[in-house]
Amino acid sequence: MSSLPRFRSSIDGKMEGGFALIAVLWLVASLSVLVTGIMLSVKSELKIASFARQTVAAKAVAEGAMQLALQSLVASGKRPEKLVEAPVSYAGRDVMVRMTPMNGYININRAPLELLQALFQMGAGVDAGAAGAFANAILLARTTPGPSGKPPGFEAPEDLMRLPGMDYAIYARIAPLITTDSGGSGQINVQAAPPNVLNIVAGGNEAAVAAFMQARGGDNVGADTSQLNGAWIGGAASSRSVEMSARVPLPDGGAIMVIRRYQITNSSPDGLPWQVFYADSQVEQAPLPKP
């Protein structure tokens, strides 16, 4: 009879040892998961920091290249009349810089009603009814006196967001096509217009756009505009406002596009012969690896 308690004590001891082993294994597993999570978090943060550093450096290179292009433009004493794209050497790299006179864009303060309708219908992809409503709302803002007694018009493209029915998705699609600062009659300088604006002037005729761009790539002599809407075409006048864009590749295979719009002037606050009135940058993701 005296051996029974000792037998139970032995069983209890083995059970306690088993539970202790399970607890230790559970603790080890939990710590492993925790350490793995911390390592992944650290790697992710390092990757983000590295990408941020690369984009800052790429923006600086793009800015420097555009400043050199602007210096060359101002030193020439000429005002830009057409779209020009050329490599600029800066910090040991060749950066492709595009210069676009702002009269190559659609001026929402001056463009005719039909051009505004085409802007929304073809540029934003809305139906004819909505395009007409937006175009008429712009015309109303340009002609109806405000509290000051003058029509408010549009000081910046972002002012379109105050139009009835406008949402950011529509605005984002037309923002790269418009300006408020080109002056002129509201017609488009097609020698300066980028392809997405030319597509609207050509009524979506991509073949006509391609042929015209190829012809204007030389000295602009003989560039056929017969397939473009002549009512929307202005002369190749010079512009005091210019857009500069520079694309800088990133180490991961992506790229960053830096866009600045400048007013060429002799009275900027910092003493430079130009003043920035618009700034943007866009990151192009690296292509996904093929499966």
C-alpha atoms as a PDB file:
ATOM      1  CA  MET A   1       0.000   0.000   0.000  1.00  0.00           C
ATOM      2  CA  SER A   2       2.871   2.374   0.691  1.00  0.00           C
ATOM      3  CA  SER A   3       4.142   2.174  -2.945  1.00  0.00           C
ATOM      4  CA  LEU A   4       0.970   3.711  -4.492  1.00  0.00           C
ATOM      5  CA  PRO A   5       1.650   7.324  -3.420  1.00  0.00           C
ATOM      6  CA  ARG A   6       5.194   7.075  -4.738  1.00  0.00           C
ATOM      7  CA  PHE A   7       3.840   5.793  -8.105  1.00  0.00           C
ATOM      8  CA  ARG A   8       1.389   8.710  -8.352  1.00  0.00           C
ATOM      9  CA  SER A   9       4.129  11.161  -7.423  1.00  0.00           C
ATOM     10  CA  SER A  10       6.237   9.813 -10.274  1.00  0.00           C
ATOM     11  CA  ILE A  11       3.372  10.271 -12.756  1.00  0.00           C
ATOM     12  CA  ASP A  12       2.699  13.790 -11.508  1.00  0.00           C
ATOM     13  CA  GLY A  13       6.359  14.693 -11.892  1.00  0.00           C
ATOM     14  CA  LYS A  14       6.473  13.416 -15.455  1.00  0.00           C
ATOM     15  CA  MET A  15       3.301  15.385 -16.328  1.00  0.00           C
ATOM     16  CA  GLU A  16       4.747  18.565 -14.819  1.00  0.00           C
ATOM     17  CA  GLY A  17       7.950  18.034 -16.779  1.00  0.00           C
ATOM     18  CA  GLY A  18       5.944  17.541 -19.977  1.00  0.00           C
ATOM     19  CA  PHE A  19       3.975  20.732 -19.420  1.00  0.00           C
ATOM     20  CA  ALA A  20       7.201  22.622 -18.741  1.00  0.00           C
ATOM     21  CA  LEU A  21       8.698  21.317 -21.997  1.00  0.00           C
ATOM     22  CA  ILE A  22       5.593  22.371 -23.936  1.00  0.00           C
ATOM     23  CA  ALA A  23       5.767  25.830 -22.355  1.00  0.00           C
ATOM     24  CA  VAL A  24       9.428  26.164 -23.307  1.00  0.00           C
ATOM     25  CA  LEU A  25       8.745  25.049 -26.892  1.00  0.00           C
ATOM     26  CA  TRP A  26       5.812  27.470 -27.140  1.00  0.00           C
ATOM     27  CA  LEU A  27       7.996  30.301 -25.833  1.00  0.00           C
ATOM     28  CA  VAL A  28      10.761  29.476 -28.327  1.00  0.00           C
ATOM     29  CA  ALA A  29       8.246  29.402 -31.187  1.00  0.00           C
ATOM     30  CA  SER A  30       6.744  32.722 -30.108  1.00  0.00           C
ATOM     31  CA  LEU A  31      10.161  34.328 -29.890  1.00  0.00           C
ATOM     32  CA  SER A  32      11.033  32.969 -33.341  1.00  0.00           C
ATOM     33  CA  VAL A  33       7.881  34.523 -34.821  1.00  0.00           C
ATOM     34  CA  LEU A  34       8.612  37.794 -33.022  1.00  0.00           C
ATOM     35  CA  VAL A  35      12.224  37.910 -34.231  1.00  0.00           C
ATOM     36  CA  THR A  36      11.151  37.079 -37.795  1.00  0.00           C
ATOM     37  CA  GLY A  37       8.571  39.871 -37.698  1.00  0.00           C
ATOM     38  CA  ILE A  38      11.123  42.365 -36.400  1.00  0.00           C
ATOM     39  CA  MET A  39      13.613  41.367 -39.107  1.00  0.00           C
ATOM     40  CA  LEU A  40      10.990  41.773 -41.843  1.00  0.00           C
ATOM     41  CA  SER A  41       9.975  45.144 -40.418  1.00  0.00           C
ATOM     42  CA  VAL A  42      13.590  46.323 -40.311  1.00  0.00           C
ATOM     43  CA  LYS A  43      14.191  45.143 -43.886  1.00  0.00           C
ATOM     44  CA  SER A  44      11.040  46.929 -45.036  1.00  0.00           C
ATOM     45  CA  GLU A  45      12.046  50.157 -43.289  1.00  0.00           C
ATOM     46  CA  LEU A  46      15.557  49.950 -44.755  1.00  0.00           C
ATOM     47  CA  LYS A  47      14.075  49.423 -48.218  1.00  0.00           C
ATOM     48  CA  ILE A  48      11.770  52.435 -47.791  1.00  0.00           C
ATOM     49  CA  ALA A  49      14.648  54.580 -46.522  1.00  0.00           C
ATOM     50  CA  SER A  50      16.852  53.486 -49.422  1.00  0.00           C
ATOM     51  CA  PHE A  51      14.106  54.273 -51.953  1.00  0.00           C
ATOM     52  CA  ALA A  52      13.509  57.682 -50.374  1.00  0.00           C
ATOM     53  CA  ARG A  53      17.225  58.454 -50.549  1.00  0.00           C
ATOM     54  CA  GLN A  54      17.360  57.382 -54.203  1.00  0.00           C
ATOM     55  CA  THR A  55      14.351  59.515 -55.163  1.00  0.00           C
ATOM     56  CA  VAL A  56      15.760  62.580 -53.385  1.00  0.00           C
ATOM     57  CA  ALA A  57      19.058  62.151 -55.230  1.00  0.00           C
ATOM     58  CA  ALA A  58      17.257  61.620 -58.553  1.00  0.00           C
ATOM     59  CA  LYS A  59      15.136  64.752 -58.018  1.00  0.00           C
ATOM     60  CA  ALA A  60      18.281  66.762 -57.323  1.00  0.00           C
ATOM     61  CA  VAL A  61      19.851  65.531 -60.568  1.00  0.00           C
ATOM     62  CA  ALA A  62      16.669  66.353 -62.511  1.00  0.00           C
ATOM     63  CA  GLU A  63      16.464  69.824 -60.961  1.00  0.00           C
ATOM     64  CA  GLY A  64      20.105  70.510 -61.796  1.00  0.00           C
ATOM     65  CA  ALA A  65      19.688  69.417 -65.409  1.00  0.00           C
ATOM     66  CA  MET A  66      16.586  71.589 -65.840  1.00  0.00           C
ATOM     67  CA  GLN A  67      18.375  74.595 -64.311  1.00  0.00           C
ATOM     68  CA  LEU A  68      21.199  74.189 -66.837  1.00  0.00           C
ATOM     69  CA  ALA A  69      18.673  74.007 -69.677  1.00  0.00           C
ATOM     70  CA  LEU A  70      16.980  77.160 -68.388  1.00  0.00           C
ATOM     71  CA  GLN A  71      20.318  78.973 -68.135  1.00  0.00           C
ATOM     72  CA  SER A  72      21.046  78.084 -71.742  1.00  0.00           C
ATOM     73  CA  LEU A  73      17.599  79.291 -72.821  1.00  0.00           C
ATOM     74  CA  VAL A  74      17.896  82.624 -71.001  1.00  0.00           C
ATOM     75  CA  ALA A  75      21.458  83.171 -72.240  1.00  0.00           C
ATOM     76  CA  SER A  76      20.291  82.728 -75.831  1.00  0.00           C
ATOM     77  CA  GLY A  77      17.940  85.696 -75.433  1.00  0.00           C
ATOM     78  CA  LYS A  78      15.206  83.786 -77.253  1.00  0.00           C
ATOM     79  CA  ARG A  79      11.769  82.685 -76.114  1.00  0.00           C
ATOM     80  CA  PRO A  80      10.780  79.069 -76.761  1.00  0.00           C
ATOM     81  CA  GLU A  81       8.447  78.475 -79.714  1.00  0.00           C
ATOM     82  CA  LYS A  82       8.373  74.695 -80.011  1.00  0.00           C
ATOM     83  CA  LEU A  83       8.763  71.519 -77.993  1.00  0.00           C
ATOM     84  CA  VAL A  84      12.408  70.536 -77.652  1.00  0.00           C
ATOM     85  CA  GLU A  85      13.849  67.389 -76.094  1.00  0.00           C
ATOM     86  CA  ALA A  86      17.576  66.876 -75.618  1.00  0.00           C
ATOM     87  CA  PRO A  87      20.053  65.276 -73.186  1.00  0.00           C
ATOM     88  CA  VAL A  88      21.703  67.531 -70.610  1.00  0.00           C
ATOM     89  CA  SER A  89      24.878  66.465 -68.791  1.00  0.00           C
ATOM     90  CA  TYR A  90      24.753  66.989 -65.035  1.00  0.00           C
ATOM     91  CA  ALA A  91      26.615  65.328 -62.152  1.00  0.00           C
ATOM     92  CA  GLY A  92      28.203  62.840 -64.522  1.00  0.00           C
ATOM     93  CA  ARG A  93      24.867  61.731 -65.991  1.00  0.00           C
ATOM     94  CA  ASP A  94      23.035  62.466 -69.227  1.00  0.00           C
ATOM     95  CA  VAL A  95      19.489  63.501 -68.322  1.00  0.00           C
ATOM     96  CA  MET A  96      16.793  63.764 -70.990  1.00  0.00           C
ATOM     97  CA  VAL A  97      15.094  67.145 -70.554  1.00  0.00           C
ATOM     98  CA  ARG A  98      11.943  68.202 -72.389  1.00  0.00           C
ATOM     99  CA  MET A  99      11.064  71.880 -72.786  1.00  0.00           C
ATOM    100  CA  THR A 100       7.442  72.661 -73.666  1.00  0.00           C
ATOM    101  CA  PRO A 101       6.190  76.236 -74.185  1.00  0.00           C
ATOM    102  CA  MET A 102       2.950  76.600 -72.243  1.00  0.00           C
ATOM    103  CA  ASN A 103       1.006  77.750 -75.303  1.00  0.00           C
ATOM    104  CA  GLY A 104       1.190  74.119 -76.401  1.00  0.00           C
ATOM    105  CA  TYR A 105      -1.387  73.281 -73.710  1.00  0.00           C
ATOM    106  CA  ILE A 106      -5.112  74.048 -73.510  1.00  0.00           C
ATOM    107  CA  ASN A 107      -5.671  77.335 -71.693  1.00  0.00           C
ATOM    108  CA  ILE A 108      -8.914  76.945 -69.741  1.00  0.00           C
ATOM    109  CA  ASN A 109      -9.137  80.734 -69.353  1.00  0.00           C
ATOM    110  CA  ARG A 110      -9.229  81.337 -73.114  1.00  0.00           C
ATOM    111  CA  ALA A 111     -10.005  78.112 -75.000  1.00  0.00           C
ATOM    112  CA  PRO A 112     -13.190  78.111 -77.118  1.00  0.00           C
ATOM    113  CA  LEU A 113     -16.205  76.148 -75.931  1.00  0.00           C
ATOM    114  CA  GLU A 114     -15.822  73.354 -78.500  1.00  0.00           C
ATOM    115  CA  LEU A 115     -12.193  72.761 -77.513  1.00  0.00           C
ATOM    116  CA  LEU A 116     -13.178  72.567 -73.848  1.00  0.00           C
ATOM    117  CA  GLN A 117     -15.852  70.006 -74.708  1.00  0.00           C
ATOM    118  CA  ALA A 118     -13.285  67.921 -76.596  1.00  0.00           C
ATOM    119  CA  LEU A 119     -10.916  68.227 -73.637  1.00  0.00           C
ATOM    120  CA  PHE A 120     -13.408  66.589 -71.294  1.00  0.00           C
ATOM    121  CA  GLN A 121     -14.807  64.092 -73.764  1.00  0.00           C
ATOM    122  CA  MET A 122     -11.492  62.837 -75.140  1.00  0.00           C
ATOM    123  CA  GLY A 123      -9.105  63.796 -72.367  1.00  0.00           C
ATOM    124  CA  ALA A 124     -11.242  62.733 -69.400  1.00  0.00           C
ATOM    125  CA  GLY A 125     -13.386  60.103 -71.125  1.00  0.00           C
ATOM    126  CA  VAL A 126     -16.749  61.526 -70.024  1.00  0.00           C
ATOM    127  CA  ASP A 127     -19.829  61.409 -72.245  1.00  0.00           C
ATOM    128  CA  ALA A 128     -20.870  64.280 -74.502  1.00  0.00           C
ATOM    129  CA  GLY A 129     -23.514  65.555 -72.070  1.00  0.00           C
ATOM    130  CA  ALA A 130     -21.134  65.761 -69.119  1.00  0.00           C
ATOM    131  CA  ALA A 131     -18.401  67.256 -71.317  1.00  0.00           C
ATOM    132  CA  GLY A 132     -20.777  69.984 -72.463  1.00  0.00           C
ATOM    133  CA  ALA A 133     -21.846  70.717 -68.890  1.00  0.00           C
ATOM    134  CA  PHE A 134     -18.237  71.092 -67.714  1.00  0.00           C
ATOM    135  CA  ALA A 135     -17.332  73.276 -70.702  1.00  0.00           C
ATOM    136  CA  ASN A 136     -20.303  75.570 -70.086  1.00  0.00           C
ATOM    137  CA  ALA A 137     -19.435  75.783 -66.380  1.00  0.00           C
ATOM    138  CA  ILE A 138     -15.928  76.956 -67.323  1.00  0.00           C
ATOM    139  CA  LEU A 139     -17.378  79.517 -69.721  1.00  0.00           C
ATOM    140  CA  LEU A 140     -19.716  80.742 -66.983  1.00  0.00           C
ATOM    141  CA  ALA A 141     -16.800  81.204 -64.562  1.00  0.00           C
ATOM    142  CA  ARG A 142     -14.962  83.198 -67.234  1.00  0.00           C
ATOM    143  CA  THR A 143     -17.837  85.548 -68.035  1.00  0.00           C
ATOM    144  CA  THR A 144     -19.952  85.959 -64.886  1.00  0.00           C
ATOM    145  CA  PRO A 145     -18.778  88.802 -62.593  1.00  0.00           C
ATOM    146  CA  GLY A 146     -17.806  87.760 -59.074  1.00  0.00           C
ATOM    147  CA  PRO A 147     -17.871  89.769 -55.816  1.00  0.00           C
ATOM    148  CA  SER A 148     -15.119  92.045 -57.142  1.00  0.00           C
ATOM    149  CA  GLY A 149     -17.170  92.888 -60.208  1.00  0.00           C
ATOM    150  CA  LYS A 150     -14.875  90.869 -62.482  1.00  0.00           C
ATOM    151  CA  PRO A 151     -15.234  87.241 -63.614  1.00  0.00           C
ATOM    152  CA  PRO A 152     -13.114  85.042 -61.309  1.00  0.00           C
ATOM    153  CA  GLY A 153     -11.694  82.874 -64.057  1.00  0.00           C
ATOM    154  CA  PHE A 154      -9.081  80.315 -63.041  1.00  0.00           C
ATOM    155  CA  GLU A 155      -5.793  81.143 -61.335  1.00  0.00           C
ATOM    156  CA  ALA A 156      -4.572  77.536 -61.377  1.00  0.00           C
ATOM    157  CA  PRO A 157      -5.726  74.259 -62.941  1.00  0.00           C
ATOM    158  CA  GLU A 158      -6.757  73.041 -59.471  1.00  0.00           C
ATOM    159  CA  ASP A 159      -9.543  75.656 -59.506  1.00  0.00           C
ATOM    160  CA  LEU A 160     -11.489  73.293 -61.770  1.00  0.00           C
ATOM    161  CA  MET A 161     -12.285  71.281 -58.645  1.00  0.00           C
ATOM    162  CA  ARG A 162     -14.857  73.906 -57.705  1.00  0.00           C
ATOM    163  CA  LEU A 163     -16.979  73.165 -60.798  1.00  0.00           C
ATOM    164  CA  PRO A 164     -20.306  71.390 -60.138  1.00  0.00           C
ATOM    165  CA  GLY A 165     -19.931  67.638 -60.616  1.00  0.00           C
ATOM    166  CA  MET A 166     -16.143  67.711 -60.841  1.00  0.00           C
ATOM    167  CA  ASP A 167     -14.292  64.961 -58.986  1.00  0.00           C
ATOM    168  CA  TYR A 168     -10.607  64.256 -58.600  1.00  0.00           C
ATOM    169  CA  ALA A 169     -10.590  61.314 -61.035  1.00  0.00           C
ATOM    170  CA  ILE A 170     -11.802  63.544 -63.878  1.00  0.00           C
ATOM    171  CA  TYR A 171      -9.484  66.376 -62.890  1.00  0.00           C
ATOM    172  CA  ALA A 172      -6.443  64.077 -62.721  1.00  0.00           C
ATOM    173  CA  ARG A 173      -7.026  62.919 -66.307  1.00  0.00           C
ATOM    174  CA  ILE A 174      -7.124  66.429 -67.780  1.00  0.00           C
ATOM    175  CA  ALA A 175      -4.589  68.152 -65.504  1.00  0.00           C
ATOM    176  CA  PRO A 176      -1.590  67.197 -67.716  1.00  0.00           C
ATOM    177  CA  LEU A 177      -3.336  68.798 -70.721  1.00  0.00           C
ATOM    178  CA  ILE A 178      -4.230  72.244 -69.398  1.00  0.00           C
ATOM    179  CA  THR A 179      -2.800  75.532 -68.220  1.00  0.00           C
ATOM    180  CA  THR A 180      -4.021  78.914 -67.019  1.00  0.00           C
ATOM    181  CA  ASP A 181      -0.869  80.873 -67.825  1.00  0.00           C
ATOM    182  CA  SER A 182      -0.158  80.716 -71.558  1.00  0.00           C
ATOM    183  CA  GLY A 183      -1.923  83.949 -72.567  1.00  0.00           C
ATOM    184  CA  GLY A 184      -2.727  84.312 -76.237  1.00  0.00           C
ATOM    185  CA  SER A 185      -6.058  83.730 -77.932  1.00  0.00           C
ATOM    186  CA  GLY A 186      -6.854  80.308 -76.496  1.00  0.00           C
ATOM    187  CA  GLN A 187      -5.668  78.488 -79.597  1.00  0.00           C
ATOM    188  CA  ILE A 188      -2.912  75.886 -79.379  1.00  0.00           C
ATOM    189  CA  ASN A 189       0.632  76.173 -80.654  1.00  0.00           C
ATOM    190  CA  VAL A 190       0.795  72.696 -82.173  1.00  0.00           C
ATOM    191  CA  GLN A 191       4.557  73.020 -82.672  1.00  0.00           C
ATOM    192  CA  ALA A 192       4.808  72.980 -78.878  1.00  0.00           C
ATOM    193  CA  ALA A 193       1.915  70.668 -78.004  1.00  0.00           C
ATOM    194  CA  PRO A 194       2.700  67.293 -76.399  1.00  0.00           C
ATOM    195  CA  PRO A 195       1.177  64.143 -77.946  1.00  0.00           C
ATOM    196  CA  ASN A 196      -1.817  63.942 -75.576  1.00  0.00           C
ATOM    197  CA  VAL A 197      -2.887  67.484 -76.505  1.00  0.00           C
ATOM    198  CA  LEU A 198      -2.322  66.839 -80.218  1.00  0.00           C
ATOM    199  CA  ASN A 199      -4.591  63.810 -79.933  1.00  0.00           C
ATOM    200  CA  ILE A 200      -7.469  66.106 -78.932  1.00  0.00           C
ATOM    201  CA  VAL A 201      -6.733  68.594 -81.721  1.00  0.00           C
ATOM    202  CA  ALA A 202      -6.663  65.675 -84.176  1.00  0.00           C
ATOM    203  CA  GLY A 203      -9.982  64.300 -82.934  1.00  0.00           C
ATOM    204  CA  GLY A 204      -8.353  61.078 -81.749  1.00  0.00           C
ATOM    205  CA  ASN A 205      -6.648  60.373 -85.090  1.00  0.00           C
ATOM    206  CA  GLU A 206      -3.484  58.716 -83.784  1.00  0.00           C
ATOM    207  CA  ALA A 207      -2.019  58.206 -87.260  1.00  0.00           C
ATOM    208  CA  ALA A 208      -2.330  61.941 -87.977  1.00  0.00           C
ATOM    209  CA  VAL A 209      -0.657  62.751 -84.656  1.00  0.00           C
ATOM    210  CA  ALA A 210       2.231  60.369 -85.352  1.00  0.00           C
ATOM    211  CA  ALA A 211       2.757  61.785 -88.859  1.00  0.00           C
ATOM    212  CA  PHE A 212       2.681  65.371 -87.613  1.00  0.00           C
ATOM    213  CA  MET A 213       5.114  64.686 -84.765  1.00  0.00           C
ATOM    214  CA  GLN A 214       7.535  63.007 -87.139  1.00  0.00           C
ATOM    215  CA  ALA A 215       7.364  65.962 -89.532  1.00  0.00           C
ATOM    216  CA  ARG A 216       7.830  68.599 -86.833  1.00  0.00           C
ATOM    217  CA  GLY A 217      10.782  66.737 -85.352  1.00  0.00           C
ATOM    218  CA  GLY A 218      13.093  68.411 -87.870  1.00  0.00           C
ATOM    219  CA  ASP A 219      12.898  72.084 -88.732  1.00  0.00           C
ATOM    220  CA  ASN A 220       9.079  72.128 -88.590  1.00  0.00           C
ATOM    221  CA  VAL A 221       8.905  73.026 -92.280  1.00  0.00           C
ATOM    222  CA  GLY A 222       6.236  71.053 -94.113  1.00  0.00           C
ATOM    223  CA  ALA A 223       4.573  69.597 -91.002  1.00  0.00           C
ATOM    224  CA  ASP A 224       1.101  68.726 -92.288  1.00  0.00           C
ATOM    225  CA  THR A 225      -1.716  70.095 -90.114  1.00  0.00           C
ATOM    226  CA  SER A 226      -4.524  69.266 -92.535  1.00  0.00           C
ATOM    227  CA  GLN A 227      -5.674  66.382 -90.316  1.00  0.00           C
ATOM    228  CA  LEU A 228      -5.874  68.656 -87.263  1.00  0.00           C
ATOM    229  CA  ASN A 229      -8.734  70.982 -86.330  1.00  0.00           C
ATOM    230  CA  GLY A 230      -7.620  74.266 -87.865  1.00  0.00           C
ATOM    231  CA  ALA A 231     -10.004  76.318 -85.709  1.00  0.00           C
ATOM    232  CA  TRP A 232      -8.000  75.345 -82.632  1.00  0.00           C
ATOM    233  CA  ILE A 233      -4.525  75.937 -84.078  1.00  0.00           C
ATOM    234  CA  GLY A 234      -2.625  79.126 -83.349  1.00  0.00           C
ATOM    235  CA  GLY A 235       0.669  80.327 -84.738  1.00  0.00           C
ATOM    236  CA  ALA A 236       4.048  79.179 -83.466  1.00  0.00           C
ATOM    237  CA  ALA A 237       4.361  82.173 -81.147  1.00  0.00           C
ATOM    238  CA  SER A 238       6.962  82.354 -78.404  1.00  0.00           C
ATOM    239  CA  SER A 239       5.940  81.972 -74.782  1.00  0.00           C
ATOM    240  CA  ARG A 240       7.283  83.438 -71.544  1.00  0.00           C
ATOM    241  CA  SER A 241       5.995  80.396 -69.672  1.00  0.00           C
ATOM    242  CA  VAL A 242       7.662  77.041 -70.175  1.00  0.00           C
ATOM    243  CA  GLU A 243       7.363  73.548 -68.733  1.00  0.00           C
ATOM    244  CA  MET A 244      10.516  71.563 -68.074  1.00  0.00           C
ATOM    245  CA  SER A 245      10.408  67.844 -67.416  1.00  0.00           C
ATOM    246  CA  ALA A 246      13.311  65.509 -66.718  1.00  0.00           C
ATOM    247  CA  ARG A 247      13.296  61.730 -66.363  1.00  0.00           C
ATOM    248  CA  VAL A 248      15.963  60.099 -64.186  1.00  0.00           C
ATOM    249  CA  PRO A 249      16.246  56.272 -63.976  1.00  0.00           C
ATOM    250  CA  LEU A 250      16.388  54.649 -60.518  1.00  0.00           C
ATOM    251  CA  PRO A 251      18.639  51.713 -59.553  1.00  0.00           C
ATOM    252  CA  ASP A 252      15.682  49.311 -59.209  1.00  0.00           C
ATOM    253  CA  GLY A 253      14.675  49.765 -62.859  1.00  0.00           C
ATOM    254  CA  GLY A 254      12.028  52.402 -62.205  1.00  0.00           C
ATOM    255  CA  ALA A 255      12.385  56.117 -62.810  1.00  0.00           C
ATOM    256  CA  ILE A 256      11.305  59.467 -61.470  1.00  0.00           C
ATOM    257  CA  MET A 257       9.828  62.203 -63.649  1.00  0.00           C
ATOM    258  CA  VAL A 258      10.260  65.729 -62.301  1.00  0.00           C
ATOM    259  CA  ILE A 259       8.058  68.483 -63.758  1.00  0.00           C
ATOM    260  CA  ARG A 260       8.450  72.211 -63.208  1.00  0.00           C
ATOM    261  CA  ARG A 261       6.720  75.162 -64.845  1.00  0.00           C
ATOM    262  CA  TYR A 262       8.588  78.453 -65.015  1.00  0.00           C
ATOM    263  CA  GLN A 263       7.757  82.043 -65.818  1.00  0.00           C
ATOM    264  CA  ILE A 264      10.727  83.687 -67.524  1.00  0.00           C
ATOM    265  CA  THR A 265      10.988  87.082 -65.875  1.00  0.00           C
ATOM    266  CA  ASN A 266      13.438  89.737 -64.729  1.00  0.00           C
ATOM    267  CA  SER A 267      11.722  90.360 -61.400  1.00  0.00           C
ATOM    268  CA  SER A 268      11.630  87.081 -59.460  1.00  0.00           C
ATOM    269  CA  PRO A 269      11.960  87.383 -55.637  1.00  0.00           C
ATOM    270  CA  ASP A 270      15.197  85.359 -55.524  1.00  0.00           C
ATOM    271  CA  GLY A 271      16.883  87.323 -58.289  1.00  0.00           C
ATOM    272  CA  LEU A 272      16.842  84.501 -60.837  1.00  0.00           C
ATOM    273  CA  PRO A 273      15.585  85.224 -64.365  1.00  0.00           C
ATOM    274  CA  TRP A 274      12.778  82.715 -63.874  1.00  0.00           C
ATOM    275  CA  GLN A 275      10.176  81.845 -61.265  1.00  0.00           C
ATOM    276  CA  VAL A 276       8.596  78.457 -60.530  1.00  0.00           C
ATOM    277  CA  PHE A 277       4.801  78.474 -60.452  1.00  0.00           C
ATOM    278  CA  TYR A 278       4.085  74.728 -60.630  1.00  0.00           C
ATOM    279  CA  ALA A 279       5.937  71.661 -59.369  1.00  0.00           C
ATOM    280  CA  ASP A 280       5.197  67.958 -59.578  1.00  0.00           C
ATOM    281  CA  SER A 281       7.007  64.633 -59.606  1.00  0.00           C
ATOM    282  CA  GLN A 282       5.908  61.163 -60.624  1.00  0.00           C
ATOM    283  CA  VAL A 283       7.466  57.799 -59.790  1.00  0.00           C
ATOM    284  CA  GLU A 284       7.502  55.104 -62.465  1.00  0.00           C
ATOM    285  CA  GLN A 285       7.494  51.661 -60.881  1.00  0.00           C
ATOM    286  CA  ALA A 286      10.091  49.119 -61.972  1.00  0.00           C
ATOM    287  CA  PRO A 287       8.705  46.496 -64.377  1.00  0.00           C
ATOM    288  CA  LEU A 288       7.646  43.251 -62.737  1.00  0.00           C
ATOM    289  CA  PRO A 289       9.929  40.252 -63.379  1.00  0.00           C
ATOM    290  CA  LYS A 290       8.689  37.863 -66.023  1.00  0.00           C
ATOM    291  CA  PRO A 291       7.295  34.583 -64.628  1.00  0.00           C
END
